[in-house]
Amino acid sequence: MALLYAVYWFRVWQLYRKLCAMRGASSVEIDVVTGLIRGVRYVASPNQDARPEGASLDLLVVHGISLPPGEFQGEWVERLFLNELPPDRHPYFAAIAQLKVSAHLYIRRDGSMTQFVPWHRRAWHAGVSSWRNRLGCNDFSVGIELEGADEIPYEPVQYAALAAVSRELLRVYPTLAADAVVGHSDIAPSRKTDPGPAFDWQHFRRLLAD
């Protein structure tokens, strides 16, 4: 009986967090001075620098990530972006622990968000990439990582958060357009597959247009 009671309240707590995340997603506001989302946890990644002089924000890249692959709710994505991923904790980590990568924003399965790089600065998320015949997408893009995997459906609260953030980016940065929101696979098709076939672009674009 005690176990059933504990499971019930755990599920209530999970639902409460999802509802809070969805409410928060509807009121995203970017501070144009700091380049940060107001009220969102900020952890500065060392893997960032200034954009080239005169560069504008013209592209939003949606990524999918999980560490280890296919496993969620751990601390490892954040540790990767902070250059603190321990190579001995999982066989997969040994191959990526030395990478210097980051994203502007990370959206977890429950819709909670952590920002690692201010929007006006360059995060190291795209790698070797091109978009509309322009090379080096890091220079003119922002990157948002969703906790997920190519073949596992993303959560409704993640779509809600991503759409809310995207709408605010479109409002704050007029050089960014709705048709310039793409997947990592679109700018690096020979290397990357994320956010994968599990990401419902049609659903996301409906939310973005609301």
N, C-alpha and C. Protein backbone atom coordinates (compact mmCIF):
# COMPACT_ATOMS: atom_id res chain seq x y z
N MET A 1 0.83 -1.21 0.00
CA MET A 1 0.00 0.00 0.00
C MET A 1 0.87 1.26 0.00
N ALA A 2 1.89 1.24 0.84
CA ALA A 2 2.79 2.40 0.92
C ALA A 2 3.48 2.65 -0.41
N LEU A 3 3.84 1.56 -1.10
CA LEU A 3 4.50 1.70 -2.41
C LEU A 3 3.55 2.33 -3.42
N LEU A 4 2.29 1.89 -3.45
CA LEU A 4 1.30 2.46 -4.36
C LEU A 4 1.09 3.95 -4.07
N TYR A 5 1.06 4.28 -2.79
CA TYR A 5 0.90 5.68 -2.38
C TYR A 5 2.06 6.52 -2.87
N ALA A 6 3.28 5.98 -2.74
CA ALA A 6 4.47 6.71 -3.18
C ALA A 6 4.47 6.88 -4.69
N VAL A 7 4.08 5.84 -5.42
CA VAL A 7 4.03 5.91 -6.89
C VAL A 7 3.01 6.96 -7.32
N TYR A 8 1.86 6.97 -6.65
CA TYR A 8 0.80 7.94 -6.98
C TYR A 8 1.32 9.36 -6.84
N TRP A 9 1.97 9.68 -5.72
CA TRP A 9 2.42 11.05 -5.50
C TRP A 9 3.61 11.39 -6.39
N PHE A 10 4.38 10.39 -6.76
CA PHE A 10 5.47 10.65 -7.71
C PHE A 10 4.89 11.06 -9.06
N ARG A 11 3.82 10.37 -9.48
CA ARG A 11 3.18 10.72 -10.75
C ARG A 11 2.52 12.09 -10.68
N VAL A 12 1.92 12.42 -9.55
CA VAL A 12 1.35 13.76 -9.36
C VAL A 12 2.44 14.81 -9.48
N TRP A 13 3.57 14.55 -8.85
CA TRP A 13 4.71 15.49 -8.91
C TRP A 13 5.21 15.66 -10.34
N GLN A 14 5.28 14.54 -11.09
CA GLN A 14 5.71 14.63 -12.48
C GLN A 14 4.74 15.48 -13.30
N LEU A 15 3.44 15.27 -13.11
CA LEU A 15 2.43 16.04 -13.82
C LEU A 15 2.52 17.52 -13.45
N TYR A 16 2.74 17.79 -12.17
CA TYR A 16 2.87 19.18 -11.72
C TYR A 16 4.04 19.86 -12.40
N ARG A 17 5.17 19.15 -12.50
CA ARG A 17 6.34 19.74 -13.16
C ARG A 17 6.07 20.01 -14.63
N LYS A 18 5.36 19.11 -15.28
CA LYS A 18 5.04 19.31 -16.69
C LYS A 18 4.13 20.51 -16.89
N LEU A 19 3.14 20.65 -16.00
CA LEU A 19 2.23 21.79 -16.10
C LEU A 19 2.97 23.09 -15.85
N CYS A 20 3.87 23.08 -14.88
CA CYS A 20 4.67 24.29 -14.61
C CYS A 20 5.55 24.63 -15.81
N ALA A 21 6.11 23.60 -16.41
CA ALA A 21 6.96 23.83 -17.57
C ALA A 21 6.16 24.42 -18.72
N MET A 22 4.94 23.93 -18.92
CA MET A 22 4.11 24.44 -20.01
C MET A 22 3.68 25.88 -19.73
N ARG A 23 3.38 26.20 -18.47
CA ARG A 23 3.03 27.58 -18.14
C ARG A 23 4.23 28.48 -18.37
N GLY A 24 5.42 28.01 -17.94
CA GLY A 24 6.63 28.81 -18.13
C GLY A 24 6.96 29.02 -19.58
N ALA A 25 6.68 27.99 -20.40
CA ALA A 25 6.99 28.09 -21.82
C ALA A 25 6.16 29.15 -22.51
N SER A 26 4.98 29.44 -21.96
CA SER A 26 4.11 30.41 -22.61
C SER A 26 4.52 31.84 -22.32
N SER A 27 5.47 32.07 -21.42
CA SER A 27 5.85 33.42 -21.01
C SER A 27 7.35 33.63 -21.09
N VAL A 28 7.95 33.17 -22.18
CA VAL A 28 9.39 33.32 -22.37
C VAL A 28 9.71 34.77 -22.72
N GLU A 29 10.73 35.31 -22.06
CA GLU A 29 11.16 36.68 -22.35
C GLU A 29 12.68 36.73 -22.34
N ILE A 30 13.25 37.26 -23.40
CA ILE A 30 14.70 37.39 -23.53
C ILE A 30 15.12 38.80 -23.12
N ASP A 31 16.10 38.89 -22.26
CA ASP A 31 16.72 40.16 -21.91
C ASP A 31 17.71 40.51 -23.03
N VAL A 32 17.43 41.55 -23.78
CA VAL A 32 18.25 41.85 -24.96
C VAL A 32 19.64 42.33 -24.58
N VAL A 33 19.83 42.80 -23.36
CA VAL A 33 21.14 43.26 -22.92
C VAL A 33 22.05 42.09 -22.59
N THR A 34 21.53 41.15 -21.81
CA THR A 34 22.33 40.00 -21.39
C THR A 34 22.29 38.86 -22.38
N GLY A 35 21.24 38.82 -23.23
CA GLY A 35 21.08 37.70 -24.14
C GLY A 35 20.59 36.44 -23.46
N LEU A 36 19.99 36.57 -22.29
CA LEU A 36 19.53 35.42 -21.52
C LEU A 36 18.01 35.45 -21.39
N ILE A 37 17.42 34.26 -21.22
CA ILE A 37 15.99 34.16 -20.97
C ILE A 37 15.74 34.45 -19.49
N ARG A 38 14.88 35.41 -19.24
CA ARG A 38 14.59 35.77 -17.85
C ARG A 38 14.02 34.57 -17.10
N GLY A 39 14.56 34.33 -15.90
CA GLY A 39 14.04 33.28 -15.04
C GLY A 39 14.50 31.88 -15.36
N VAL A 40 15.28 31.72 -16.42
CA VAL A 40 15.80 30.39 -16.79
C VAL A 40 17.20 30.22 -16.21
N ARG A 41 17.45 29.04 -15.69
CA ARG A 41 18.77 28.74 -15.12
C ARG A 41 19.86 28.95 -16.17
N TYR A 42 20.90 29.68 -15.79
CA TYR A 42 22.03 29.94 -16.69
C TYR A 42 23.30 29.36 -16.10
N VAL A 43 23.97 28.51 -16.88
CA VAL A 43 25.26 27.94 -16.51
C VAL A 43 26.20 28.23 -17.68
N ALA A 44 27.19 29.07 -17.47
CA ALA A 44 28.03 29.53 -18.57
C ALA A 44 28.96 28.42 -19.04
N SER A 45 28.84 28.05 -20.30
CA SER A 45 29.76 27.09 -20.90
C SER A 45 31.03 27.81 -21.31
N PRO A 46 32.19 27.18 -21.09
CA PRO A 46 33.43 27.77 -21.58
C PRO A 46 33.55 27.69 -23.11
N ASN A 47 32.68 26.90 -23.73
CA ASN A 47 32.78 26.68 -25.18
C ASN A 47 31.90 27.69 -25.92
N GLN A 48 32.36 28.92 -25.92
CA GLN A 48 31.67 30.01 -26.58
C GLN A 48 32.66 31.12 -26.85
N ASP A 49 32.31 31.99 -27.79
CA ASP A 49 33.12 33.16 -28.05
C ASP A 49 32.27 34.19 -28.77
N ALA A 50 32.88 35.31 -29.14
CA ALA A 50 32.16 36.37 -29.82
C ALA A 50 31.89 35.97 -31.27
N ARG A 51 30.76 36.40 -31.78
CA ARG A 51 30.49 36.19 -33.20
C ARG A 51 31.40 37.11 -34.02
N PRO A 52 31.63 36.77 -35.29
CA PRO A 52 32.41 37.66 -36.15
C PRO A 52 31.75 39.04 -36.24
N GLU A 53 32.56 40.05 -36.39
CA GLU A 53 32.04 41.41 -36.48
C GLU A 53 31.04 41.51 -37.63
N GLY A 54 29.90 42.08 -37.32
CA GLY A 54 28.87 42.28 -38.34
C GLY A 54 27.96 41.09 -38.56
N ALA A 55 28.21 39.98 -37.88
CA ALA A 55 27.37 38.79 -38.07
C ALA A 55 25.99 39.01 -37.46
N SER A 56 24.97 38.60 -38.16
CA SER A 56 23.61 38.69 -37.66
C SER A 56 23.10 37.28 -37.34
N LEU A 57 22.01 37.23 -36.58
CA LEU A 57 21.43 35.95 -36.20
C LEU A 57 20.39 35.59 -37.27
N ASP A 58 20.73 34.63 -38.13
CA ASP A 58 19.90 34.31 -39.28
C ASP A 58 19.35 32.88 -39.29
N LEU A 59 19.71 32.06 -38.30
CA LEU A 59 19.39 30.64 -38.37
C LEU A 59 19.20 30.09 -36.97
N LEU A 60 18.19 29.23 -36.81
CA LEU A 60 17.98 28.50 -35.55
C LEU A 60 18.10 27.01 -35.86
N VAL A 61 18.99 26.34 -35.16
CA VAL A 61 19.25 24.92 -35.39
C VAL A 61 18.73 24.10 -34.21
N VAL A 62 17.86 23.15 -34.51
CA VAL A 62 17.31 22.25 -33.50
C VAL A 62 18.13 20.96 -33.48
N HIS A 63 18.60 20.60 -32.30
CA HIS A 63 19.40 19.39 -32.10
C HIS A 63 18.66 18.42 -31.20
N GLY A 64 19.09 17.18 -31.21
CA GLY A 64 18.65 16.19 -30.24
C GLY A 64 19.87 15.53 -29.62
N ILE A 65 19.83 15.32 -28.31
CA ILE A 65 21.00 14.74 -27.62
C ILE A 65 20.54 13.93 -26.42
N SER A 66 21.24 12.85 -26.15
CA SER A 66 21.07 12.10 -24.91
C SER A 66 22.39 11.41 -24.60
N LEU A 67 22.74 11.39 -23.32
CA LEU A 67 23.99 10.77 -22.88
C LEU A 67 23.73 9.94 -21.64
N PRO A 68 24.14 8.64 -21.72
CA PRO A 68 24.51 7.88 -22.92
C PRO A 68 23.35 7.87 -23.93
N PRO A 69 23.63 7.52 -25.17
CA PRO A 69 22.59 7.55 -26.20
C PRO A 69 21.35 6.76 -25.78
N GLY A 70 20.19 7.42 -25.89
CA GLY A 70 18.93 6.76 -25.56
C GLY A 70 18.57 6.76 -24.10
N GLU A 71 19.42 7.35 -23.24
CA GLU A 71 19.13 7.42 -21.81
C GLU A 71 18.91 8.88 -21.42
N PHE A 72 17.90 9.09 -20.55
CA PHE A 72 17.51 10.44 -20.20
C PHE A 72 17.64 10.69 -18.69
N GLN A 73 17.48 11.95 -18.34
CA GLN A 73 17.40 12.41 -16.95
C GLN A 73 18.74 12.46 -16.22
N GLY A 74 19.83 12.26 -16.89
CA GLY A 74 21.13 12.33 -16.23
C GLY A 74 21.74 13.72 -16.28
N GLU A 75 22.93 13.83 -15.71
CA GLU A 75 23.65 15.10 -15.66
C GLU A 75 24.65 15.25 -16.79
N TRP A 76 24.74 14.27 -17.67
CA TRP A 76 25.89 14.16 -18.55
C TRP A 76 25.90 15.17 -19.69
N VAL A 77 24.76 15.59 -20.18
CA VAL A 77 24.76 16.60 -21.24
C VAL A 77 25.32 17.91 -20.70
N GLU A 78 24.87 18.30 -19.54
CA GLU A 78 25.41 19.51 -18.92
C GLU A 78 26.91 19.38 -18.67
N ARG A 79 27.32 18.23 -18.19
CA ARG A 79 28.75 18.02 -17.94
C ARG A 79 29.56 18.11 -19.24
N LEU A 80 28.99 17.61 -20.34
CA LEU A 80 29.66 17.71 -21.63
C LEU A 80 29.86 19.17 -22.02
N PHE A 81 28.82 19.99 -21.86
CA PHE A 81 28.90 21.40 -22.25
C PHE A 81 29.82 22.20 -21.34
N LEU A 82 30.14 21.66 -20.18
CA LEU A 82 31.03 22.33 -19.24
C LEU A 82 32.45 21.75 -19.26
N ASN A 83 32.71 20.83 -20.22
CA ASN A 83 34.01 20.15 -20.32
C ASN A 83 34.33 19.34 -19.07
N GLU A 84 33.29 18.74 -18.47
CA GLU A 84 33.46 17.97 -17.24
C GLU A 84 32.98 16.53 -17.39
N LEU A 85 32.83 16.05 -18.61
CA LEU A 85 32.32 14.70 -18.81
C LEU A 85 33.41 13.68 -18.48
N PRO A 86 33.19 12.79 -17.52
CA PRO A 86 34.22 11.82 -17.14
C PRO A 86 34.31 10.68 -18.15
N PRO A 87 35.43 10.49 -18.81
CA PRO A 87 35.52 9.47 -19.86
C PRO A 87 35.39 8.05 -19.36
N ASP A 88 35.59 7.83 -18.07
CA ASP A 88 35.57 6.47 -17.53
C ASP A 88 34.20 6.04 -17.01
N ARG A 89 33.18 6.92 -17.10
CA ARG A 89 31.87 6.57 -16.55
C ARG A 89 31.02 5.76 -17.52
N HIS A 90 31.34 5.79 -18.81
CA HIS A 90 30.58 5.02 -19.80
C HIS A 90 31.46 4.87 -21.03
N PRO A 91 31.43 3.71 -21.69
CA PRO A 91 32.27 3.53 -22.88
C PRO A 91 32.07 4.62 -23.94
N TYR A 92 30.85 5.10 -24.09
CA TYR A 92 30.58 6.13 -25.10
C TYR A 92 31.27 7.45 -24.76
N PHE A 93 31.40 7.72 -23.46
CA PHE A 93 31.97 8.99 -23.04
C PHE A 93 33.44 9.12 -23.43
N ALA A 94 34.14 8.00 -23.48
CA ALA A 94 35.57 8.04 -23.79
C ALA A 94 35.83 8.65 -25.17
N ALA A 95 34.87 8.49 -26.08
CA ALA A 95 35.06 8.97 -27.45
C ALA A 95 34.69 10.44 -27.60
N ILE A 96 33.96 11.00 -26.64
CA ILE A 96 33.48 12.38 -26.82
C ILE A 96 33.91 13.33 -25.72
N ALA A 97 34.56 12.82 -24.68
CA ALA A 97 34.87 13.66 -23.52
C ALA A 97 35.77 14.83 -23.86
N GLN A 98 36.58 14.70 -24.90
CA GLN A 98 37.51 15.77 -25.25
C GLN A 98 36.89 16.81 -26.19
N LEU A 99 35.66 16.60 -26.61
CA LEU A 99 35.02 17.56 -27.50
C LEU A 99 34.75 18.87 -26.78
N LYS A 100 34.90 19.96 -27.46
CA LYS A 100 34.58 21.29 -26.93
C LYS A 100 33.32 21.77 -27.63
N VAL A 101 32.18 21.49 -27.05
CA VAL A 101 30.90 21.78 -27.68
C VAL A 101 29.97 22.45 -26.67
N SER A 102 28.95 23.08 -27.21
CA SER A 102 27.95 23.73 -26.36
C SER A 102 26.70 23.97 -27.20
N ALA A 103 25.67 24.45 -26.56
CA ALA A 103 24.47 24.93 -27.23
C ALA A 103 24.01 26.15 -26.46
N HIS A 104 23.20 26.97 -27.10
CA HIS A 104 22.67 28.11 -26.38
C HIS A 104 21.70 27.67 -25.29
N LEU A 105 20.88 26.66 -25.62
CA LEU A 105 19.81 26.26 -24.70
C LEU A 105 19.63 24.75 -24.75
N TYR A 106 19.31 24.18 -23.60
CA TYR A 106 19.03 22.75 -23.47
C TYR A 106 17.65 22.59 -22.87
N ILE A 107 16.77 21.84 -23.56
CA ILE A 107 15.40 21.60 -23.08
C ILE A 107 15.26 20.13 -22.73
N ARG A 108 15.02 19.85 -21.47
CA ARG A 108 14.94 18.47 -21.00
C ARG A 108 13.57 17.87 -21.28
N ARG A 109 13.43 16.57 -20.98
CA ARG A 109 12.19 15.85 -21.27
C ARG A 109 10.99 16.43 -20.53
N ASP A 110 11.22 17.03 -19.38
CA ASP A 110 10.12 17.60 -18.60
C ASP A 110 9.85 19.05 -18.96
N GLY A 111 10.54 19.57 -19.99
CA GLY A 111 10.32 20.93 -20.44
C GLY A 111 11.17 21.97 -19.74
N SER A 112 11.91 21.57 -18.70
CA SER A 112 12.78 22.53 -18.02
C SER A 112 13.95 22.91 -18.91
N MET A 113 14.44 24.13 -18.72
CA MET A 113 15.46 24.68 -19.61
C MET A 113 16.68 25.14 -18.85
N THR A 114 17.84 24.97 -19.47
CA THR A 114 19.09 25.53 -18.98
C THR A 114 19.76 26.24 -20.15
N GLN A 115 20.15 27.48 -19.93
CA GLN A 115 20.88 28.22 -20.96
C GLN A 115 22.37 28.17 -20.66
N PHE A 116 23.17 27.95 -21.71
CA PHE A 116 24.61 27.82 -21.55
C PHE A 116 25.38 28.95 -22.23
N VAL A 117 24.78 29.60 -23.20
CA VAL A 117 25.44 30.66 -23.95
C VAL A 117 24.42 31.75 -24.24
N PRO A 118 24.75 33.03 -24.01
CA PRO A 118 23.83 34.10 -24.40
C PRO A 118 23.59 34.08 -25.91
N TRP A 119 22.39 34.49 -26.30
CA TRP A 119 22.00 34.37 -27.70
C TRP A 119 22.89 35.17 -28.64
N HIS A 120 23.43 36.30 -28.19
CA HIS A 120 24.22 37.13 -29.09
C HIS A 120 25.66 36.62 -29.24
N ARG A 121 26.04 35.64 -28.44
CA ARG A 121 27.38 35.07 -28.55
C ARG A 121 27.34 33.76 -29.35
N ARG A 122 28.50 33.30 -29.76
CA ARG A 122 28.60 32.12 -30.61
C ARG A 122 28.80 30.87 -29.75
N ALA A 123 27.84 29.97 -29.82
CA ALA A 123 27.98 28.65 -29.20
C ALA A 123 28.59 27.70 -30.23
N TRP A 124 29.22 26.66 -29.74
CA TRP A 124 29.92 25.72 -30.63
C TRP A 124 29.05 24.46 -30.78
N HIS A 125 28.03 24.59 -31.58
CA HIS A 125 27.02 23.53 -31.68
C HIS A 125 26.91 22.90 -33.06
N ALA A 126 27.26 23.63 -34.11
CA ALA A 126 26.96 23.17 -35.46
C ALA A 126 28.06 22.32 -36.08
N GLY A 127 29.32 22.58 -35.73
CA GLY A 127 30.42 21.88 -36.36
C GLY A 127 30.55 22.26 -37.83
N VAL A 128 31.15 21.39 -38.60
CA VAL A 128 31.29 21.62 -40.03
C VAL A 128 29.89 21.62 -40.63
N SER A 129 29.49 22.73 -41.23
CA SER A 129 28.09 22.89 -41.61
C SER A 129 27.95 23.96 -42.68
N SER A 130 26.80 23.93 -43.35
CA SER A 130 26.48 24.98 -44.32
C SER A 130 24.97 25.10 -44.44
N TRP A 131 24.52 26.30 -44.79
CA TRP A 131 23.09 26.58 -44.97
C TRP A 131 22.94 27.64 -46.05
N ARG A 132 22.22 27.29 -47.07
CA ARG A 132 22.00 28.19 -48.20
C ARG A 132 23.33 28.76 -48.71
N ASN A 133 24.27 27.83 -48.89
CA ASN A 133 25.60 28.14 -49.45
C ASN A 133 26.47 29.00 -48.53
N ARG A 134 26.09 29.08 -47.26
CA ARG A 134 26.92 29.80 -46.27
C ARG A 134 27.57 28.76 -45.36
N LEU A 135 28.87 28.82 -45.25
CA LEU A 135 29.62 27.88 -44.43
C LEU A 135 29.73 28.40 -42.99
N GLY A 136 30.05 27.47 -42.07
CA GLY A 136 30.29 27.86 -40.68
C GLY A 136 29.07 28.41 -39.99
N CYS A 137 28.07 27.56 -39.81
CA CYS A 137 26.79 28.02 -39.28
C CYS A 137 26.86 28.58 -37.87
N ASN A 138 27.87 28.20 -37.10
CA ASN A 138 27.99 28.75 -35.75
C ASN A 138 28.03 30.27 -35.77
N ASP A 139 28.61 30.85 -36.83
CA ASP A 139 28.79 32.29 -36.90
C ASP A 139 27.47 33.05 -36.88
N PHE A 140 26.42 32.47 -37.47
CA PHE A 140 25.18 33.22 -37.66
C PHE A 140 23.95 32.48 -37.16
N SER A 141 24.14 31.51 -36.28
CA SER A 141 23.01 30.71 -35.81
C SER A 141 22.96 30.62 -34.30
N VAL A 142 21.82 30.16 -33.81
CA VAL A 142 21.70 29.73 -32.42
C VAL A 142 21.35 28.24 -32.43
N GLY A 143 21.75 27.54 -31.40
CA GLY A 143 21.50 26.11 -31.31
C GLY A 143 20.71 25.77 -30.06
N ILE A 144 19.65 25.01 -30.24
CA ILE A 144 18.83 24.54 -29.11
C ILE A 144 18.85 23.02 -29.10
N GLU A 145 19.28 22.46 -27.99
CA GLU A 145 19.35 21.01 -27.83
C GLU A 145 18.11 20.52 -27.09
N LEU A 146 17.46 19.51 -27.66
CA LEU A 146 16.38 18.82 -26.98
C LEU A 146 16.90 17.50 -26.44
N GLU A 147 16.58 17.20 -25.21
CA GLU A 147 16.94 15.89 -24.66
C GLU A 147 16.10 14.84 -25.36
N GLY A 148 16.75 14.01 -26.16
CA GLY A 148 16.00 13.03 -26.92
C GLY A 148 16.90 12.18 -27.78
N ALA A 149 16.27 11.37 -28.61
CA ALA A 149 16.99 10.49 -29.52
C ALA A 149 16.20 10.41 -30.82
N ASP A 150 16.89 10.09 -31.90
CA ASP A 150 16.28 10.14 -33.23
C ASP A 150 14.99 9.36 -33.35
N GLU A 151 14.89 8.22 -32.69
CA GLU A 151 13.75 7.31 -32.89
C GLU A 151 12.77 7.32 -31.72
N ILE A 152 12.96 8.18 -30.73
CA ILE A 152 12.09 8.22 -29.56
C ILE A 152 11.29 9.52 -29.59
N PRO A 153 9.96 9.45 -29.55
CA PRO A 153 9.16 10.68 -29.64
C PRO A 153 9.55 11.70 -28.57
N TYR A 154 9.58 12.95 -28.98
CA TYR A 154 9.83 14.03 -28.03
C TYR A 154 8.56 14.32 -27.25
N GLU A 155 8.73 14.97 -26.10
CA GLU A 155 7.60 15.20 -25.20
C GLU A 155 6.82 16.46 -25.59
N PRO A 156 5.50 16.48 -25.34
CA PRO A 156 4.71 17.68 -25.64
C PRO A 156 5.26 18.95 -25.00
N VAL A 157 5.74 18.84 -23.76
CA VAL A 157 6.27 20.04 -23.10
C VAL A 157 7.54 20.54 -23.77
N GLN A 158 8.29 19.64 -24.41
CA GLN A 158 9.48 20.09 -25.14
C GLN A 158 9.09 20.88 -26.38
N TYR A 159 8.07 20.42 -27.09
CA TYR A 159 7.58 21.18 -28.24
C TYR A 159 7.07 22.55 -27.79
N ALA A 160 6.33 22.58 -26.68
CA ALA A 160 5.78 23.84 -26.18
C ALA A 160 6.90 24.82 -25.82
N ALA A 161 7.92 24.31 -25.14
CA ALA A 161 9.04 25.17 -24.75
C ALA A 161 9.81 25.65 -25.96
N LEU A 162 10.09 24.73 -26.89
CA LEU A 162 10.83 25.09 -28.09
C LEU A 162 10.09 26.14 -28.91
N ALA A 163 8.79 25.97 -29.07
CA ALA A 163 8.00 26.92 -29.84
C ALA A 163 7.98 28.29 -29.17
N ALA A 164 7.84 28.31 -27.85
CA ALA A 164 7.80 29.58 -27.13
C ALA A 164 9.12 30.32 -27.24
N VAL A 165 10.22 29.60 -27.09
CA VAL A 165 11.54 30.22 -27.22
C VAL A 165 11.77 30.70 -28.65
N SER A 166 11.37 29.90 -29.61
CA SER A 166 11.56 30.26 -31.01
C SER A 166 10.77 31.52 -31.36
N ARG A 167 9.52 31.61 -30.87
CA ARG A 167 8.72 32.81 -31.13
C ARG A 167 9.38 34.05 -30.54
N GLU A 168 9.94 33.90 -29.34
CA GLU A 168 10.60 35.05 -28.72
C GLU A 168 11.87 35.43 -29.47
N LEU A 169 12.62 34.44 -29.95
CA LEU A 169 13.80 34.74 -30.76
C LEU A 169 13.41 35.47 -32.04
N LEU A 170 12.33 35.04 -32.68
CA LEU A 170 11.86 35.71 -33.89
C LEU A 170 11.44 37.15 -33.59
N ARG A 171 10.91 37.39 -32.42
CA ARG A 171 10.50 38.74 -32.04
C ARG A 171 11.70 39.64 -31.76
N VAL A 172 12.67 39.09 -31.03
CA VAL A 172 13.80 39.91 -30.57
C VAL A 172 14.83 40.12 -31.68
N TYR A 173 15.00 39.11 -32.54
CA TYR A 173 16.03 39.19 -33.58
C TYR A 173 15.34 39.19 -34.95
N PRO A 174 15.07 40.36 -35.50
CA PRO A 174 14.28 40.46 -36.74
C PRO A 174 14.97 39.86 -37.97
N THR A 175 16.27 39.59 -37.90
CA THR A 175 16.95 38.94 -39.03
C THR A 175 16.65 37.45 -39.09
N LEU A 176 16.06 36.90 -38.05
CA LEU A 176 15.71 35.48 -38.00
C LEU A 176 14.28 35.30 -38.50
N ALA A 177 14.07 34.35 -39.38
CA ALA A 177 12.75 34.11 -39.96
C ALA A 177 12.28 32.70 -39.63
N ALA A 178 10.97 32.49 -39.68
CA ALA A 178 10.39 31.19 -39.34
C ALA A 178 10.86 30.09 -40.27
N ASP A 179 11.16 30.43 -41.52
CA ASP A 179 11.62 29.40 -42.45
C ASP A 179 13.11 29.11 -42.30
N ALA A 180 13.74 29.76 -41.32
CA ALA A 180 15.15 29.52 -41.04
C ALA A 180 15.32 28.76 -39.72
N VAL A 181 14.32 27.95 -39.37
CA VAL A 181 14.41 27.04 -38.23
C VAL A 181 14.56 25.64 -38.81
N VAL A 182 15.73 25.03 -38.58
CA VAL A 182 16.07 23.77 -39.25
C VAL A 182 16.66 22.79 -38.24
N GLY A 183 16.84 21.55 -38.68
CA GLY A 183 17.49 20.54 -37.86
C GLY A 183 18.99 20.49 -38.12
N HIS A 184 19.70 19.91 -37.18
CA HIS A 184 21.14 19.72 -37.36
C HIS A 184 21.43 18.92 -38.63
N SER A 185 20.55 17.98 -38.91
CA SER A 185 20.72 17.15 -40.11
C SER A 185 20.60 17.96 -41.39
N ASP A 186 19.93 19.11 -41.34
CA ASP A 186 19.78 19.95 -42.53
C ASP A 186 21.04 20.72 -42.87
N ILE A 187 21.86 21.01 -41.87
CA ILE A 187 23.06 21.81 -42.13
C ILE A 187 24.33 20.96 -42.15
N ALA A 188 24.21 19.70 -41.73
CA ALA A 188 25.36 18.78 -41.76
C ALA A 188 24.87 17.39 -42.12
N PRO A 189 24.25 17.22 -43.30
CA PRO A 189 23.58 15.96 -43.63
C PRO A 189 24.50 14.76 -43.76
N SER A 190 25.77 14.99 -44.02
CA SER A 190 26.69 13.86 -44.14
C SER A 190 27.20 13.38 -42.78
N ARG A 191 26.95 14.17 -41.72
CA ARG A 191 27.47 13.82 -40.40
C ARG A 191 26.38 13.58 -39.36
N LYS A 192 25.27 14.28 -39.48
CA LYS A 192 24.30 14.32 -38.39
C LYS A 192 22.91 13.90 -38.85
N THR A 193 22.16 13.30 -37.92
CA THR A 193 20.79 12.88 -38.20
C THR A 193 19.77 13.54 -37.28
N ASP A 194 20.22 14.20 -36.25
CA ASP A 194 19.30 14.78 -35.27
C ASP A 194 18.62 16.05 -35.79
N PRO A 195 17.42 16.35 -35.30
CA PRO A 195 16.73 15.69 -34.19
C PRO A 195 16.04 14.38 -34.56
N GLY A 196 16.19 13.94 -35.80
CA GLY A 196 15.74 12.62 -36.18
C GLY A 196 14.30 12.55 -36.65
N PRO A 197 13.90 11.39 -37.16
CA PRO A 197 12.53 11.21 -37.65
C PRO A 197 11.47 11.28 -36.56
N ALA A 198 11.87 11.13 -35.30
CA ALA A 198 10.90 11.22 -34.21
C ALA A 198 10.45 12.65 -33.96
N PHE A 199 11.19 13.62 -34.47
CA PHE A 199 10.80 15.01 -34.26
C PHE A 199 9.71 15.37 -35.26
N ASP A 200 8.58 15.85 -34.76
CA ASP A 200 7.41 16.15 -35.58
C ASP A 200 7.48 17.62 -36.01
N TRP A 201 8.05 17.84 -37.18
CA TRP A 201 8.22 19.21 -37.67
C TRP A 201 6.86 19.87 -37.93
N GLN A 202 5.91 19.12 -38.45
CA GLN A 202 4.61 19.71 -38.74
C GLN A 202 3.95 20.21 -37.47
N HIS A 203 4.02 19.42 -36.42
CA HIS A 203 3.44 19.83 -35.13
C HIS A 203 4.17 21.05 -34.58
N PHE A 204 5.48 21.02 -34.64
CA PHE A 204 6.26 22.16 -34.13
C PHE A 204 5.90 23.44 -34.89
N ARG A 205 5.81 23.36 -36.21
CA ARG A 205 5.53 24.57 -37.00
C ARG A 205 4.12 25.09 -36.75
N ARG A 206 3.18 24.20 -36.44
CA ARG A 206 1.85 24.66 -36.04
C ARG A 206 1.92 25.46 -34.74
N LEU A 207 2.68 24.94 -33.79
CA LEU A 207 2.85 25.65 -32.51
C LEU A 207 3.56 26.98 -32.71
N LEU A 208 4.55 26.98 -33.57
CA LEU A 208 5.32 28.20 -33.83
C LEU A 208 4.43 29.29 -34.42
N ALA A 209 3.46 28.88 -35.23
CA ALA A 209 2.59 29.84 -35.90
C ALA A 209 1.47 30.35 -35.00
N ASP A 210 1.20 29.67 -33.88
CA ASP A 210 0.11 30.07 -32.99
C ASP A 210 0.38 31.43 -32.35
